Amino acid sequence: MYKVGISIGDSNGIGPEILLKSHHIIKQYCKPFYCVHKEFLKKLAEILKLDFPKDAEFIDIDAKIPSLNIAQISADSGLYSYQSFLKACKLAEEKQVDFITTLPIHKFAWKKANIDFIGHTEVLRNRYKKEGIMMLGCEEMFVALFSDHIPLKMVSKLIQKDKIKQFLFNLYLCIKEKNIAVLGLNPHCGDNGLIGTEDFIIQDAIKEINTELKEEIFKGPISADSAFTPMQRKKYKYYIAFYHDIGLATLKALYFAQSINVTLNIPILRTSVDHGVGYDIAYKNLADIQSYINAILLGIKFKGKQ
């Protein structure tokens, strides 16, 4: 049975509720190690009127227990979620767990706590000095992101052939799939240069990497406005988007509750829910647990493929 290090996420949001409601399910598939003070989670379980997982493993973290300010952005909850995440990473590095799963953090709570990272993926890239790849999805469809949490105006500057080829090669090594759709950047893939020339660079990168791999692994570029039609989704399960919203708007419209987030191309495996802190429903026992359960199950599946 795989061991999983689980970070608590923002305690003012829906993370604790998801963790508590799901324990009896995920313990059938893995042994969870919760990176949270036992007494703190017990207090939250009492507030939520949910069963406390007495049979779980708890790992104290290097931060004081925060005050509970439901649905509010606070520095102490931001720091606690950050330290919980770092503890989970350390467990994976020391081989005490097989992979980690993260519950949602609030990016501005991290900022209030003077943490100089936008989110989990940026921490992982800095910690392991590798270009971690953010991929989101579920069994029906996955979307890997060439760029993720950056302003739209910066994306076109990153469209460089060598960068794209390295990204494609790294992704292929991680997922070992042979039919991957690459979305274009501009409307209609630039209409032969009438709406931008970046898609010519993408096209050249695809041709060269397929030649180097001696197989047509990557298909495209495919116009993003038609790449997710029912017919196209019968052909492709894995997609690459050059900008965050190009790929994720469709994914979340189709599979919001089921989707997960996985970070590839780093020394540890990290999976996560594909949603935020849910302040609007925090501590109301309304949170959906499916994304979290899928994050655990797909983590087990990915780990088994390594």
C-alpha atoms as a PDB file:
ATOM      1  CA  MET A   1       0.000   0.000   0.000  1.00  0.00           C
ATOM      2  CA  TYR A   2       1.397   3.364  -1.026  1.00  0.00           C
ATOM      3  CA  LYS A   3       2.163   6.027   1.589  1.00  0.00           C
ATOM      4  CA  VAL A   4       0.985   9.557   0.807  1.00  0.00           C
ATOM      5  CA  GLY A   5       2.049  12.819   2.438  1.00  0.00           C
ATOM      6  CA  ILE A   6      -0.913  15.203   2.529  1.00  0.00           C
ATOM      7  CA  SER A   7      -0.642  18.945   3.132  1.00  0.00           C
ATOM      8  CA  ILE A   8      -3.580  20.632   4.845  1.00  0.00           C
ATOM      9  CA  GLY A   9      -3.975  23.641   2.573  1.00  0.00           C
ATOM     10  CA  ASP A  10      -5.570  26.859   3.791  1.00  0.00           C
ATOM     11  CA  SER A  11      -7.326  26.065   7.068  1.00  0.00           C
ATOM     12  CA  ASN A  12      -9.842  28.883   6.517  1.00  0.00           C
ATOM     13  CA  GLY A  13     -11.144  27.171   3.390  1.00  0.00           C
ATOM     14  CA  ILE A  14     -12.558  23.792   2.404  1.00  0.00           C
ATOM     15  CA  GLY A  15      -9.339  21.779   2.689  1.00  0.00           C
ATOM     16  CA  PRO A  16      -9.905  20.426   6.218  1.00  0.00           C
ATOM     17  CA  GLU A  17     -13.488  19.447   5.370  1.00  0.00           C
ATOM     18  CA  ILE A  18     -12.356  17.523   2.284  1.00  0.00           C
ATOM     19  CA  LEU A  19      -9.621  15.763   4.241  1.00  0.00           C
ATOM     20  CA  LEU A  20     -11.971  14.705   7.045  1.00  0.00           C
ATOM     21  CA  LYS A  21     -14.824  13.598   4.775  1.00  0.00           C
ATOM     22  CA  SER A  22     -12.502  11.527   2.594  1.00  0.00           C
ATOM     23  CA  HIS A  23     -10.361   9.703   5.135  1.00  0.00           C
ATOM     24  CA  HIS A  24     -12.511   6.585   5.329  1.00  0.00           C
ATOM     25  CA  ILE A  25     -12.328   6.287   1.514  1.00  0.00           C
ATOM     26  CA  ILE A  26      -8.675   6.957   0.784  1.00  0.00           C
ATOM     27  CA  LYS A  27      -7.401   4.744   3.617  1.00  0.00           C
ATOM     28  CA  GLN A  28      -8.638   1.776   1.569  1.00  0.00           C
ATOM     29  CA  TYR A  29      -6.068   2.618  -1.130  1.00  0.00           C
ATOM     30  CA  CYS A  30      -3.159   4.235   0.705  1.00  0.00           C
ATOM     31  CA  LYS A  31      -1.722   5.107   4.090  1.00  0.00           C
ATOM     32  CA  PRO A  32      -2.107   8.882   4.540  1.00  0.00           C
ATOM     33  CA  PHE A  33       0.359  10.976   6.517  1.00  0.00           C
ATOM     34  CA  TYR A  34      -1.377  14.245   7.402  1.00  0.00           C
ATOM     35  CA  CYS A  35       1.001  17.194   7.740  1.00  0.00           C
ATOM     36  CA  VAL A  36      -0.973  18.991  10.433  1.00  0.00           C
ATOM     37  CA  HIS A  37      -0.954  19.176  14.216  1.00  0.00           C
ATOM     38  CA  LYS A  38      -3.268  16.484  15.531  1.00  0.00           C
ATOM     39  CA  GLU A  39      -4.924  18.776  18.062  1.00  0.00           C
ATOM     40  CA  PHE A  40      -5.634  21.388  15.388  1.00  0.00           C
ATOM     41  CA  LEU A  41      -7.359  18.945  13.040  1.00  0.00           C
ATOM     42  CA  LYS A  42      -9.324  17.567  15.969  1.00  0.00           C
ATOM     43  CA  LYS A  43     -10.589  21.078  16.750  1.00  0.00           C
ATOM     44  CA  LEU A  44     -11.605  21.605  13.106  1.00  0.00           C
ATOM     45  CA  ALA A  45     -13.415  18.245  13.052  1.00  0.00           C
ATOM     46  CA  GLU A  46     -15.456  19.333  16.070  1.00  0.00           C
ATOM     47  CA  ILE A  47     -16.391  22.618  14.384  1.00  0.00           C
ATOM     48  CA  LEU A  48     -17.371  20.787  11.191  1.00  0.00           C
ATOM     49  CA  LYS A  49     -19.140  18.030  13.139  1.00  0.00           C
ATOM     50  CA  LEU A  50     -17.200  15.413  11.208  1.00  0.00           C
ATOM     51  CA  ASP A  51     -15.500  12.238  12.399  1.00  0.00           C
ATOM     52  CA  PHE A  52     -11.891  12.662  13.474  1.00  0.00           C
ATOM     53  CA  PRO A  53      -9.535  10.074  11.879  1.00  0.00           C
ATOM     54  CA  LYS A  54      -8.153   8.444  15.013  1.00  0.00           C
ATOM     55  CA  ASP A  55      -6.347   5.807  12.971  1.00  0.00           C
ATOM     56  CA  ALA A  56      -4.346   8.330  10.906  1.00  0.00           C
ATOM     57  CA  GLU A  57      -0.685   9.346  11.055  1.00  0.00           C
ATOM     58  CA  PHE A  58      -0.041  12.990  11.958  1.00  0.00           C
ATOM     59  CA  ILE A  59       3.167  14.908  11.260  1.00  0.00           C
ATOM     60  CA  ASP A  60       3.765  18.113  13.247  1.00  0.00           C
ATOM     61  CA  ILE A  61       4.932  21.023  11.116  1.00  0.00           C
ATOM     62  CA  ASP A  62       7.278  23.952  11.720  1.00  0.00           C
ATOM     63  CA  ALA A  63       4.641  26.622  12.291  1.00  0.00           C
ATOM     64  CA  LYS A  64       2.389  27.608  15.148  1.00  0.00           C
ATOM     65  CA  ILE A  65      -1.242  26.539  14.968  1.00  0.00           C
ATOM     66  CA  PRO A  66      -3.136  29.376  13.273  1.00  0.00           C
ATOM     67  CA  SER A  67      -6.290  31.019  14.529  1.00  0.00           C
ATOM     68  CA  LEU A  68      -9.392  30.008  12.611  1.00  0.00           C
ATOM     69  CA  ASN A  69     -10.855  32.836  10.533  1.00  0.00           C
ATOM     70  CA  ILE A  70     -13.362  31.120   8.294  1.00  0.00           C
ATOM     71  CA  ALA A  71     -13.359  32.351   4.692  1.00  0.00           C
ATOM     72  CA  GLN A  72     -10.799  35.064   5.414  1.00  0.00           C
ATOM     73  CA  ILE A  73      -7.326  35.622   4.013  1.00  0.00           C
ATOM     74  CA  SER A  74      -4.824  35.578   6.845  1.00  0.00           C
ATOM     75  CA  ALA A  75      -1.049  35.461   7.125  1.00  0.00           C
ATOM     76  CA  ASP A  76      -0.955  32.768   9.816  1.00  0.00           C
ATOM     77  CA  SER A  77      -3.087  30.337   7.803  1.00  0.00           C
ATOM     78  CA  GLY A  78      -0.957  31.135   4.748  1.00  0.00           C
ATOM     79  CA  LEU A  79       2.248  30.347   6.627  1.00  0.00           C
ATOM     80  CA  TYR A  80       0.754  27.176   8.096  1.00  0.00           C
ATOM     81  CA  SER A  81      -0.304  25.877   4.679  1.00  0.00           C
ATOM     82  CA  TYR A  82       3.145  26.667   3.277  1.00  0.00           C
ATOM     83  CA  GLN A  83       4.971  24.839   6.077  1.00  0.00           C
ATOM     84  CA  SER A  84       2.571  21.898   5.781  1.00  0.00           C
ATOM     85  CA  PHE A  85       3.476  21.676   2.091  1.00  0.00           C
ATOM     86  CA  LEU A  86       7.223  21.829   2.792  1.00  0.00           C
ATOM     87  CA  LYS A  87       6.871  19.071   5.382  1.00  0.00           C
ATOM     88  CA  ALA A  88       5.102  16.846   2.838  1.00  0.00           C
ATOM     89  CA  CYS A  89       7.908  17.508   0.343  1.00  0.00           C
ATOM     90  CA  LYS A  90      10.494  16.543   2.938  1.00  0.00           C
ATOM     91  CA  LEU A  91       8.682  13.293   3.683  1.00  0.00           C
ATOM     92  CA  ALA A  92       8.819  12.418  -0.028  1.00  0.00           C
ATOM     93  CA  GLU A  93      12.487  13.397  -0.329  1.00  0.00           C
ATOM     94  CA  GLU A  94      13.352  11.160   2.617  1.00  0.00           C
ATOM     95  CA  LYS A  95      11.310   8.299   1.096  1.00  0.00           C
ATOM     96  CA  GLN A  96       8.981   8.223   4.085  1.00  0.00           C
ATOM     97  CA  VAL A  97       6.079   8.595   1.642  1.00  0.00           C
ATOM     98  CA  ASP A  98       5.751   7.561  -2.012  1.00  0.00           C
ATOM     99  CA  PHE A  99       4.187  10.813  -3.221  1.00  0.00           C
ATOM    100  CA  ILE A 100       2.407  13.897  -1.925  1.00  0.00           C
ATOM    101  CA  THR A 101      -1.078  15.299  -2.413  1.00  0.00           C
ATOM    102  CA  THR A 102      -1.831  18.941  -1.694  1.00  0.00           C
ATOM    103  CA  LEU A 103      -5.064  20.590  -0.635  1.00  0.00           C
ATOM    104  CA  PRO A 104      -5.742  24.146  -1.905  1.00  0.00           C
ATOM    105  CA  ILE A 105      -3.830  27.167  -0.664  1.00  0.00           C
ATOM    106  CA  HIS A 106      -4.723  30.840  -1.052  1.00  0.00           C
ATOM    107  CA  LYS A 107      -2.032  32.641  -3.021  1.00  0.00           C
ATOM    108  CA  PHE A 108      -2.645  36.000  -1.353  1.00  0.00           C
ATOM    109  CA  ALA A 109      -2.479  34.407   2.104  1.00  0.00           C
ATOM    110  CA  TRP A 110       1.024  33.271   1.141  1.00  0.00           C
ATOM    111  CA  LYS A 111       1.825  36.811   0.069  1.00  0.00           C
ATOM    112  CA  LYS A 112       0.572  38.173   3.386  1.00  0.00           C
ATOM    113  CA  ALA A 113       2.885  35.689   5.106  1.00  0.00           C
ATOM    114  CA  ASN A 114       5.831  37.094   3.076  1.00  0.00           C
ATOM    115  CA  ILE A 115       6.221  33.902   1.052  1.00  0.00           C
ATOM    116  CA  ASP A 116       7.852  34.769  -2.266  1.00  0.00           C
ATOM    117  CA  PHE A 117       6.109  32.169  -4.405  1.00  0.00           C
ATOM    118  CA  ILE A 118       2.797  32.343  -6.245  1.00  0.00           C
ATOM    119  CA  GLY A 119       1.869  28.722  -5.539  1.00  0.00           C
ATOM    120  CA  HIS A 120       2.867  25.091  -5.169  1.00  0.00           C
ATOM    121  CA  THR A 121       4.344  24.645  -8.647  1.00  0.00           C
ATOM    122  CA  GLU A 122       6.652  27.651  -8.295  1.00  0.00           C
ATOM    123  CA  VAL A 123       7.936  26.325  -4.955  1.00  0.00           C
ATOM    124  CA  LEU A 124       8.645  22.944  -6.515  1.00  0.00           C
ATOM    125  CA  ARG A 125      10.530  24.478  -9.450  1.00  0.00           C
ATOM    126  CA  ASN A 126      12.691  26.495  -7.087  1.00  0.00           C
ATOM    127  CA  ARG A 127      13.205  23.684  -4.586  1.00  0.00           C
ATOM    128  CA  TYR A 128      14.328  21.119  -7.166  1.00  0.00           C
ATOM    129  CA  LYS A 129      15.876  23.493  -9.718  1.00  0.00           C
ATOM    130  CA  LYS A 130      13.897  21.872 -12.511  1.00  0.00           C
ATOM    131  CA  GLU A 131      11.163  23.058 -14.834  1.00  0.00           C
ATOM    132  CA  GLY A 132       8.223  21.336 -13.222  1.00  0.00           C
ATOM    133  CA  ILE A 133       5.364  20.725 -15.650  1.00  0.00           C
ATOM    134  CA  MET A 134       1.826  21.477 -14.513  1.00  0.00           C
ATOM    135  CA  MET A 135      -0.681  18.999 -15.956  1.00  0.00           C
ATOM    136  CA  LEU A 136      -4.353  18.965 -15.051  1.00  0.00           C
ATOM    137  CA  GLY A 137      -7.151  16.577 -15.893  1.00  0.00           C
ATOM    138  CA  CYS A 138      -8.788  13.251 -15.217  1.00  0.00           C
ATOM    139  CA  GLU A 139      -9.073   9.847 -16.870  1.00  0.00           C
ATOM    140  CA  GLU A 140     -11.059  11.385 -19.734  1.00  0.00           C
ATOM    141  CA  MET A 141      -8.675  14.241 -20.610  1.00  0.00           C
ATOM    142  CA  PHE A 142      -5.406  15.848 -19.476  1.00  0.00           C
ATOM    143  CA  VAL A 143      -3.990  19.279 -20.314  1.00  0.00           C
ATOM    144  CA  ALA A 144      -0.292  20.057 -19.813  1.00  0.00           C
ATOM    145  CA  LEU A 145       0.670  23.724 -19.593  1.00  0.00           C
ATOM    146  CA  PHE A 146       3.712  25.178 -21.342  1.00  0.00           C
ATOM    147  CA  SER A 147       3.196  28.378 -19.331  1.00  0.00           C
ATOM    148  CA  ASP A 148       0.998  28.611 -16.278  1.00  0.00           C
ATOM    149  CA  HIS A 149       0.824  31.464 -13.755  1.00  0.00           C
ATOM    150  CA  ILE A 150       2.188  34.325 -15.839  1.00  0.00           C
ATOM    151  CA  PRO A 151       0.508  37.336 -17.476  1.00  0.00           C
ATOM    152  CA  LEU A 152      -0.822  36.799 -20.981  1.00  0.00           C
ATOM    153  CA  LYS A 153       1.440  39.540 -22.380  1.00  0.00           C
ATOM    154  CA  MET A 154       4.516  37.462 -21.470  1.00  0.00           C
ATOM    155  CA  VAL A 155       3.479  34.235 -23.199  1.00  0.00           C
ATOM    156  CA  SER A 156       4.500  35.125 -26.769  1.00  0.00           C
ATOM    157  CA  LYS A 157       8.033  35.931 -25.564  1.00  0.00           C
ATOM    158  CA  LEU A 158       8.389  32.322 -24.397  1.00  0.00           C
ATOM    159  CA  ILE A 159       7.522  30.868 -27.796  1.00  0.00           C
ATOM    160  CA  GLN A 160      11.059  29.802 -28.685  1.00  0.00           C
ATOM    161  CA  LYS A 161      11.791  26.612 -30.600  1.00  0.00           C
ATOM    162  CA  ASP A 162      14.406  25.195 -28.238  1.00  0.00           C
ATOM    163  CA  LYS A 163      12.236  25.868 -25.155  1.00  0.00           C
ATOM    164  CA  ILE A 164       9.250  24.183 -26.787  1.00  0.00           C
ATOM    165  CA  LYS A 165      11.285  21.161 -27.878  1.00  0.00           C
ATOM    166  CA  GLN A 166      12.680  20.689 -24.368  1.00  0.00           C
ATOM    167  CA  PHE A 167       9.192  20.948 -22.878  1.00  0.00           C
ATOM    168  CA  LEU A 168       7.796  18.386 -25.331  1.00  0.00           C
ATOM    169  CA  PHE A 169      10.671  16.003 -24.674  1.00  0.00           C
ATOM    170  CA  ASN A 170      10.341  16.306 -20.880  1.00  0.00           C
ATOM    171  CA  LEU A 171       6.592  15.738 -21.021  1.00  0.00           C
ATOM    172  CA  TYR A 172       7.014  12.671 -23.199  1.00  0.00           C
ATOM    173  CA  LEU A 173       9.534  11.176 -20.775  1.00  0.00           C
ATOM    174  CA  CYS A 174       7.095  11.746 -17.889  1.00  0.00           C
ATOM    175  CA  ILE A 175       3.857  10.381 -19.347  1.00  0.00           C
ATOM    176  CA  LYS A 176       5.077   7.964 -22.063  1.00  0.00           C
ATOM    177  CA  GLU A 177       2.057   8.661 -24.278  1.00  0.00           C
ATOM    178  CA  LYS A 178       2.212   8.593 -28.087  1.00  0.00           C
ATOM    179  CA  ASN A 179      -0.702  10.696 -29.286  1.00  0.00           C
ATOM    180  CA  ILE A 180      -0.501  14.202 -27.852  1.00  0.00           C
ATOM    181  CA  ALA A 181      -2.323  17.196 -29.319  1.00  0.00           C
ATOM    182  CA  VAL A 182      -0.463  20.512 -29.287  1.00  0.00           C
ATOM    183  CA  LEU A 183      -2.710  23.568 -29.317  1.00  0.00           C
ATOM    184  CA  GLY A 184      -1.864  26.653 -31.314  1.00  0.00           C
ATOM    185  CA  LEU A 185      -1.287  29.986 -29.625  1.00  0.00           C
ATOM    186  CA  ASN A 186      -3.066  32.424 -31.936  1.00  0.00           C
ATOM    187  CA  PRO A 187      -6.634  32.207 -33.260  1.00  0.00           C
ATOM    188  CA  HIS A 188      -6.753  29.669 -36.117  1.00  0.00           C
ATOM    189  CA  CYS A 189      -3.053  28.939 -35.452  1.00  0.00           C
ATOM    190  CA  GLY A 190      -2.230  32.354 -36.895  1.00  0.00           C
ATOM    191  CA  ASP A 191      -3.989  31.870 -40.255  1.00  0.00           C
ATOM    192  CA  ASN A 192      -0.675  31.367 -42.084  1.00  0.00           C
ATOM    193  CA  GLY A 193       0.893  34.365 -40.394  1.00  0.00           C
ATOM    194  CA  LEU A 194      -2.002  36.809 -40.793  1.00  0.00           C
ATOM    195  CA  ILE A 195      -2.712  36.709 -37.023  1.00  0.00           C
ATOM    196  CA  GLY A 196       0.806  36.254 -35.703  1.00  0.00           C
ATOM    197  CA  THR A 197       3.813  34.089 -36.526  1.00  0.00           C
ATOM    198  CA  GLU A 198       4.338  32.224 -33.235  1.00  0.00           C
ATOM    199  CA  ASP A 199       2.540  29.139 -34.547  1.00  0.00           C
ATOM    200  CA  PHE A 200       5.213  28.690 -37.235  1.00  0.00           C
ATOM    201  CA  ILE A 201       7.742  28.297 -34.410  1.00  0.00           C
ATOM    202  CA  ILE A 202       5.471  25.791 -32.655  1.00  0.00           C
ATOM    203  CA  GLN A 203       5.061  23.840 -35.888  1.00  0.00           C
ATOM    204  CA  ASP A 204       8.825  23.659 -36.450  1.00  0.00           C
ATOM    205  CA  ALA A 205       9.410  22.506 -32.871  1.00  0.00           C
ATOM    206  CA  ILE A 206       6.851  19.710 -33.265  1.00  0.00           C
ATOM    207  CA  LYS A 207       8.396  18.518 -36.536  1.00  0.00           C
ATOM    208  CA  GLU A 208      11.909  18.473 -35.105  1.00  0.00           C
ATOM    209  CA  ILE A 209      11.077  16.697 -31.851  1.00  0.00           C
ATOM    210  CA  ASN A 210       9.039  14.049 -33.678  1.00  0.00           C
ATOM    211  CA  THR A 211      12.010  13.496 -35.989  1.00  0.00           C
ATOM    212  CA  GLU A 212      14.352  13.165 -33.032  1.00  0.00           C
ATOM    213  CA  LEU A 213      11.987  10.735 -31.281  1.00  0.00           C
ATOM    214  CA  LYS A 214      11.599   8.830 -34.580  1.00  0.00           C
ATOM    215  CA  GLU A 215       7.824   8.734 -34.134  1.00  0.00           C
ATOM    216  CA  GLU A 216       4.931  11.152 -34.580  1.00  0.00           C
ATOM    217  CA  ILE A 217       4.225  11.622 -30.881  1.00  0.00           C
ATOM    218  CA  PHE A 218       2.994  15.211 -31.069  1.00  0.00           C
ATOM    219  CA  LYS A 219       0.220  16.378 -33.423  1.00  0.00           C
ATOM    220  CA  GLY A 220      -0.369  19.989 -34.350  1.00  0.00           C
ATOM    221  CA  PRO A 221      -0.480  22.805 -33.850  1.00  0.00           C
ATOM    222  CA  ILE A 222      -4.255  22.448 -33.669  1.00  0.00           C
ATOM    223  CA  SER A 223      -6.463  25.518 -33.469  1.00  0.00           C
ATOM    224  CA  ALA A 224      -7.531  25.830 -29.839  1.00  0.00           C
ATOM    225  CA  ASP A 225     -11.081  26.882 -30.684  1.00  0.00           C
ATOM    226  CA  SER A 226     -11.815  23.488 -32.261  1.00  0.00           C
ATOM    227  CA  ALA A 227      -9.383  21.209 -30.439  1.00  0.00           C
ATOM    228  CA  PHE A 228     -11.900  20.112 -27.810  1.00  0.00           C
ATOM    229  CA  THR A 229     -14.865  19.227 -30.001  1.00  0.00           C
ATOM    230  CA  PRO A 230     -16.379  15.788 -29.319  1.00  0.00           C
ATOM    231  CA  MET A 231     -14.723  14.409 -32.455  1.00  0.00           C
ATOM    232  CA  GLN A 232     -11.296  15.700 -31.431  1.00  0.00           C
ATOM    233  CA  ARG A 233     -11.687  14.346 -27.897  1.00  0.00           C
ATOM    234  CA  LYS A 234     -12.258  10.916 -29.379  1.00  0.00           C
ATOM    235  CA  LYS A 235      -8.833  11.228 -31.012  1.00  0.00           C
ATOM    236  CA  TYR A 236      -6.870  12.785 -28.147  1.00  0.00           C
ATOM    237  CA  LYS A 237      -6.674  12.304 -24.390  1.00  0.00           C
ATOM    238  CA  TYR A 238      -3.579  14.454 -23.785  1.00  0.00           C
ATOM    239  CA  TYR A 239      -3.312  18.107 -24.830  1.00  0.00           C
ATOM    240  CA  ILE A 240      -0.652  20.800 -24.511  1.00  0.00           C
ATOM    241  CA  ALA A 241      -1.703  24.427 -24.073  1.00  0.00           C
ATOM    242  CA  PHE A 242       0.714  27.334 -24.352  1.00  0.00           C
ATOM    243  CA  TYR A 243      -1.326  29.528 -22.040  1.00  0.00           C
ATOM    244  CA  HIS A 244      -3.140  28.643 -18.810  1.00  0.00           C
ATOM    245  CA  ASP A 245      -6.687  29.603 -19.774  1.00  0.00           C
ATOM    246  CA  ILE A 246      -6.559  28.257 -23.338  1.00  0.00           C
ATOM    247  CA  GLY A 247      -6.452  24.714 -21.980  1.00  0.00           C
ATOM    248  CA  LEU A 248      -8.050  24.956 -18.575  1.00  0.00           C
ATOM    249  CA  ALA A 249     -11.254  26.810 -19.446  1.00  0.00           C
ATOM    250  CA  THR A 250     -12.467  23.827 -21.457  1.00  0.00           C
ATOM    251  CA  LEU A 251     -11.120  21.239 -19.034  1.00  0.00           C
ATOM    252  CA  LYS A 252     -12.889  22.798 -16.064  1.00  0.00           C
ATOM    253  CA  ALA A 253     -16.113  23.310 -17.989  1.00  0.00           C
ATOM    254  CA  LEU A 254     -16.183  19.599 -18.814  1.00  0.00           C
ATOM    255  CA  TYR A 255     -14.596  17.928 -15.790  1.00  0.00           C
ATOM    256  CA  PHE A 256     -14.362  20.419 -12.937  1.00  0.00           C
ATOM    257  CA  ALA A 257     -15.330  18.041 -10.127  1.00  0.00           C
ATOM    258  CA  GLN A 258     -13.211  15.138 -11.372  1.00  0.00           C
ATOM    259  CA  SER A 259     -10.008  16.892 -12.408  1.00  0.00           C
ATOM    260  CA  ILE A 260      -6.721  16.914 -10.538  1.00  0.00           C
ATOM    261  CA  ASN A 261      -3.417  18.766 -10.810  1.00  0.00           C
ATOM    262  CA  VAL A 262      -0.130  16.858 -11.101  1.00  0.00           C
ATOM    263  CA  THR A 263       3.398  18.274 -11.177  1.00  0.00           C
ATOM    264  CA  LEU A 264       5.728  16.359 -13.502  1.00  0.00           C
ATOM    265  CA  ASN A 265       9.450  16.545 -14.289  1.00  0.00           C
ATOM    266  CA  ILE A 266      10.588  16.920 -10.659  1.00  0.00           C
ATOM    267  CA  PRO A 267      12.221  14.351  -8.326  1.00  0.00           C
ATOM    268  CA  ILE A 268       9.020  13.744  -6.344  1.00  0.00           C
ATOM    269  CA  LEU A 269       5.455  13.114  -7.505  1.00  0.00           C
ATOM    270  CA  ARG A 270       2.896  15.689  -6.447  1.00  0.00           C
ATOM    271  CA  THR A 271      -0.824  15.546  -7.140  1.00  0.00           C
ATOM    272  CA  SER A 272      -3.449  18.043  -6.051  1.00  0.00           C
ATOM    273  CA  VAL A 273      -7.078  18.969  -6.248  1.00  0.00           C
ATOM    274  CA  ASP A 274      -7.958  21.093  -9.253  1.00  0.00           C
ATOM    275  CA  HIS A 275      -9.846  23.823  -7.395  1.00  0.00           C
ATOM    276  CA  GLY A 276      -9.343  26.630  -4.934  1.00  0.00           C
ATOM    277  CA  VAL A 277     -10.033  27.246  -1.262  1.00  0.00           C
ATOM    278  CA  GLY A 278     -13.801  27.638  -1.711  1.00  0.00           C
ATOM    279  CA  TYR A 279     -14.269  30.407   0.834  1.00  0.00           C
ATOM    280  CA  ASP A 280     -17.885  30.821  -0.293  1.00  0.00           C
ATOM    281  CA  ILE A 281     -18.744  27.333   1.019  1.00  0.00           C
ATOM    282  CA  ALA A 282     -16.124  26.975   3.757  1.00  0.00           C
ATOM    283  CA  TYR A 283     -17.290  25.146   6.913  1.00  0.00           C
ATOM    284  CA  LYS A 284     -20.762  24.543   5.471  1.00  0.00           C
ATOM    285  CA  ASN A 285     -20.234  20.831   4.667  1.00  0.00           C
ATOM    286  CA  LEU A 286     -20.818  21.514   0.976  1.00  0.00           C
ATOM    287  CA  ALA A 287     -17.371  20.702  -0.455  1.00  0.00           C
ATOM    288  CA  ASP A 288     -17.110  18.055  -3.179  1.00  0.00           C
ATOM    289  CA  ILE A 289     -14.462  15.433  -2.427  1.00  0.00           C
ATOM    290  CA  GLN A 290     -14.144  13.793  -5.856  1.00  0.00           C
ATOM    291  CA  SER A 291     -11.154  15.819  -7.097  1.00  0.00           C
ATOM    292  CA  TYR A 292      -9.219  14.969  -3.922  1.00  0.00           C
ATOM    293  CA  ILE A 293     -10.002  11.260  -4.166  1.00  0.00           C
ATOM    294  CA  ASN A 294      -9.000  11.300  -7.840  1.00  0.00           C
ATOM    295  CA  ALA A 295      -5.743  13.051  -6.903  1.00  0.00           C
ATOM    296  CA  ILE A 296      -4.922  10.181  -4.558  1.00  0.00           C
ATOM    297  CA  LEU A 297      -5.953   7.446  -6.998  1.00  0.00           C
ATOM    298  CA  LEU A 298      -4.189   8.966 -10.003  1.00  0.00           C
ATOM    299  CA  GLY A 299      -1.110   9.540  -7.849  1.00  0.00           C
ATOM    300  CA  ILE A 300      -1.088   5.825  -7.150  1.00  0.00           C
ATOM    301  CA  LYS A 301      -1.530   5.116 -10.859  1.00  0.00           C
ATOM    302  CA  PHE A 302       1.255   7.493 -11.919  1.00  0.00           C
ATOM    303  CA  LYS A 303       3.552   6.097  -9.252  1.00  0.00           C
ATOM    304  CA  GLY A 304       2.875   2.591 -10.500  1.00  0.00           C
ATOM    305  CA  LYS A 305       3.976   3.624 -14.030  1.00  0.00           C
ATOM    306  CA  GLN A 306       7.344   4.950 -12.859  1.00  0.00           C
END
